[in-house]
Protein backbone atom coordinates (compact mmCIF):
# COMPACT_ATOMS: atom_id res chain seq x y z
CA MET A 1 -26.94 0.85 -13.40
CA HIS A 2 -23.52 -0.26 -15.00
CA THR A 3 -23.37 -3.95 -16.00
CA ASN A 4 -20.08 -5.65 -17.04
CA ASN A 5 -20.61 -7.98 -19.79
CA GLY A 6 -17.04 -7.96 -20.64
CA GLY A 7 -17.17 -10.88 -17.96
CA PRO A 8 -13.72 -12.14 -16.24
CA ILE A 9 -11.72 -11.64 -19.67
CA GLY A 10 -12.78 -7.52 -19.30
CA GLN A 11 -12.34 -8.20 -14.81
CA TYR A 12 -9.71 -9.56 -14.22
CA LEU A 13 -7.48 -9.99 -17.88
CA ILE A 14 -7.02 -6.83 -19.18
CA PRO A 15 -5.99 -5.36 -15.71
CA ALA A 16 -3.45 -8.29 -15.38
CA VAL A 17 -1.88 -7.96 -19.03
CA ILE A 18 -1.44 -4.10 -17.92
CA ILE A 19 0.01 -4.57 -14.44
CA ILE A 20 2.53 -7.26 -16.54
CA VAL A 21 3.38 -4.73 -19.31
CA VAL A 22 3.67 -1.95 -16.61
CA MET A 23 5.67 -4.06 -13.92
CA SER A 24 8.19 -5.66 -17.04
CA LEU A 25 8.74 -2.09 -18.08
CA ARG A 26 9.89 -0.95 -14.20
CA MET A 27 11.79 -4.15 -13.92
CA ARG A 28 14.04 -3.23 -16.75
CA GLY A 29 14.87 0.10 -15.02
CA MET A 30 15.38 -1.22 -11.71
CA THR A 31 19.36 -2.68 -12.68
CA ARG A 32 21.14 0.68 -12.48
CA LEU A 33 21.54 3.51 -9.49
CA ARG A 34 20.06 6.84 -9.30
CA PRO A 35 20.62 9.39 -6.91
CA LEU A 36 18.62 9.70 -3.86
CA LYS A 37 18.20 13.30 -2.49
CA LEU A 38 17.32 12.65 1.17
CA GLY A 39 16.01 16.56 0.91
CA GLN A 40 13.42 15.91 -1.36
CA LEU A 41 11.86 12.24 0.14
CA TRP A 42 9.08 14.14 1.75
CA VAL A 43 7.86 15.77 -1.57
CA VAL A 44 5.59 12.57 -2.51
CA PRO A 45 3.97 11.85 1.01
CA ALA A 46 3.08 15.75 1.09
CA ILE A 47 1.48 15.54 -1.90
CA TYR A 48 -0.33 12.69 -1.33
CA THR A 49 -1.46 13.69 2.27
CA ALA A 50 -2.92 16.96 0.42
CA LEU A 51 -4.63 14.78 -1.77
CA VAL A 52 -6.24 12.49 0.99
CA VAL A 53 -7.03 15.67 2.79
CA GLY A 54 -8.79 16.93 0.12
CA LEU A 55 -10.79 13.64 -0.70
CA ILE A 56 -11.38 13.29 3.10
CA ALA A 57 -12.92 17.10 2.84
CA ALA A 58 -15.17 16.81 0.02
CA SER A 59 -16.81 13.72 1.47
CA PRO A 60 -15.88 12.94 5.11
CA PRO A 61 -16.08 9.31 6.53
CA SER A 62 -18.36 8.23 9.07
CA ALA A 63 -16.55 6.79 12.58
CA ALA A 64 -16.22 3.33 11.31
CA GLY A 65 -14.80 5.52 8.29
CA TRP A 66 -12.36 7.22 10.03
CA ALA A 67 -11.13 3.98 12.02
CA VAL A 68 -10.86 2.52 9.00
CA LEU A 69 -8.57 5.18 7.34
CA PHE A 70 -6.62 5.22 10.89
CA ALA A 71 -6.05 1.21 10.63
CA GLY A 72 -4.84 1.33 6.76
CA VAL A 73 -2.69 4.17 7.76
CA VAL A 74 -0.57 1.59 10.51
CA PHE A 75 -1.19 -1.07 7.93
CA GLY A 76 0.24 0.87 5.18
CA GLY A 77 3.02 2.21 7.44
CA LEU A 78 3.93 -1.13 8.26
CA ILE A 79 4.43 -2.45 5.03
CA GLY A 80 5.77 0.59 3.74
CA TRP A 81 8.62 0.48 6.37
CA GLN A 82 9.41 -3.03 5.18
CA ARG A 83 9.20 -1.78 1.75
CA GLY A 84 11.93 1.22 2.37
CA LYS A 85 14.20 -1.86 3.85
CA PHE A 86 14.00 -3.33 0.63
CA MET A 87 15.86 -0.51 -1.37
CA HIS A 88 19.37 -0.66 -1.82
CA ILE A 89 21.00 2.87 -0.81
CA GLU A 90 24.83 3.24 -1.30
CA VAL A 91 27.33 6.31 -0.76
CA ASP A 92 29.28 6.90 -3.48
CA PRO A 93 33.11 7.22 -2.44
CA ALA A 94 33.88 9.33 -5.00
CA THR A 95 31.18 12.37 -4.95
CA ASP A 96 30.18 11.38 -1.14
CA SER A 97 26.29 11.21 -2.19
CA LEU A 98 23.86 8.62 -1.69
CA LEU A 99 22.81 6.47 -4.81
CA GLN A 100 19.74 3.89 -4.98
CA ARG A 101 18.57 1.14 -6.64
CA PRO A 102 14.54 0.26 -6.46
CA SER A 103 14.17 -3.55 -5.36
CA ARG A 104 12.31 -6.01 -7.30
CA ALA A 105 11.03 -6.94 -3.69
CA ALA A 106 9.72 -3.70 -2.99
CA MET A 107 7.94 -4.10 -6.56
CA LEU A 108 6.87 -7.17 -5.92
CA LEU A 109 5.00 -6.31 -2.62
CA LEU A 110 3.27 -3.85 -4.48
CA VAL A 111 2.13 -6.04 -7.13
CA ALA A 112 1.18 -8.32 -4.34
CA LEU A 113 -0.88 -5.38 -2.90
CA ILE A 114 -2.62 -4.87 -6.29
CA VAL A 115 -3.63 -8.53 -6.41
CA VAL A 116 -5.08 -8.75 -3.11
CA ARG A 117 -7.25 -5.34 -3.62
CA MET A 118 -8.41 -6.98 -7.21
CA GLY A 119 -9.37 -10.28 -5.12
CA ALA A 120 -11.26 -8.24 -2.65
CA LYS A 121 -13.11 -6.44 -5.03
CA SER A 122 -14.08 -9.48 -6.62
CA MET A 123 -15.23 -10.84 -3.41
CA MET A 124 -18.05 -8.12 -3.07
CA PRO A 125 -21.71 -9.75 -3.94
CA ALA A 126 -23.31 -8.54 -7.26
CA GLY A 127 -25.62 -5.92 -7.66
CA VAL A 128 -23.80 -3.87 -4.63
CA ASP A 129 -23.51 -0.32 -5.84
CA PRO A 130 -20.14 1.01 -5.96
CA MET A 131 -21.08 4.25 -3.78
CA HIS A 132 -22.26 1.35 -0.81
CA GLY A 133 -20.61 2.82 2.46
CA THR A 134 -19.04 -0.38 2.60
CA ALA A 135 -17.23 0.66 -0.39
CA LEU A 136 -16.58 3.76 0.98
CA MET A 137 -15.02 2.45 3.89
CA LEU A 138 -12.65 0.23 1.72
CA THR A 139 -11.73 3.18 -0.11
CA ASP A 140 -10.99 4.98 3.19
CA GLY A 141 -8.57 1.91 4.47
CA LEU A 142 -6.74 1.85 1.11
CA LEU A 143 -6.19 5.44 0.97
CA GLY A 144 -4.76 5.54 4.32
CA MET A 145 -2.97 2.43 3.69
CA ALA A 146 -1.69 4.10 0.79
CA LEU A 147 -0.57 7.17 3.15
CA GLY A 148 1.20 5.19 5.65
CA LEU A 149 3.01 2.85 2.52
CA LEU A 150 4.36 5.97 0.72
CA SER A 151 5.16 8.04 3.91
CA ALA A 152 7.00 5.09 5.92
CA THR A 153 8.97 4.04 3.15
CA ARG A 154 10.26 7.60 2.52
CA ALA A 155 10.72 7.72 6.41
CA GLU A 156 12.78 4.17 6.86
CA MET A 157 15.06 5.55 3.43
CA TYR A 158 15.31 9.11 5.25
CA LEU A 159 16.97 7.77 8.42
CA ARG A 160 19.01 5.16 6.87
CA GLY A 161 20.79 7.35 4.33
CA ARG A 162 21.62 9.61 6.73
CA LYS A 163 22.83 7.18 9.07
CA LEU A 164 25.18 5.76 5.58
CA LEU A 165 26.23 9.48 4.73
CA ALA A 166 27.48 9.70 8.27
CA ALA A 167 29.56 6.44 8.64
CA ALA A 168 30.82 7.11 5.30
CA ARG A 169 31.99 10.81 6.59
CA ASN A 170 33.47 9.04 9.80
CA ASP A 171 30.89 11.97 11.38
CA PRO A 172 28.71 9.93 13.97
CA ALA A 173 27.61 13.64 14.98
CA ALA A 174 26.05 13.96 11.65
CA VAL A 175 23.35 11.16 12.53
CA ASN A 176 21.33 13.61 14.17
CA ARG A 177 21.94 16.68 11.60
CA VAL A 178 19.10 16.86 8.92
CA PRO A 179 21.05 17.16 5.38
CA GLY A 180 20.47 20.35 3.18
């Protein structure tokens, strides 16, 4: 059995320091615009979906686990849609291409989710085996939430980017076409 001899320092301080360092490095790069390629927004959700399917195939959830997974997808989708709306997207008039600037609010939303996750973990009763059924259902829910979040973020950005391009080209019919 694994015991945590690090106490609160090992359990809270070290992850908090790591999160602060990673987020501050990410925040520095959030001021510049980057190209947004609509045709590539499906890649991350597809890879993560394959990962989730693999994990579920290796250890299928119980009936309650499936419900928690589905609820996680729905909840993650709601958060992800809002996260996508936080992303700044614009059309470069010189090249007629999309540019995006990551949002600090979207990044802070992810940090808040991490903090909530750490808080939920700390409320688990001491001595509970991490592979206990409740922990597995929590994992199922988090897998679903991440899948919903990643997919909905990119879906919102895709739809909004397509509309921005159509408006920039003054072509309302382009809203219904898939870009190449």
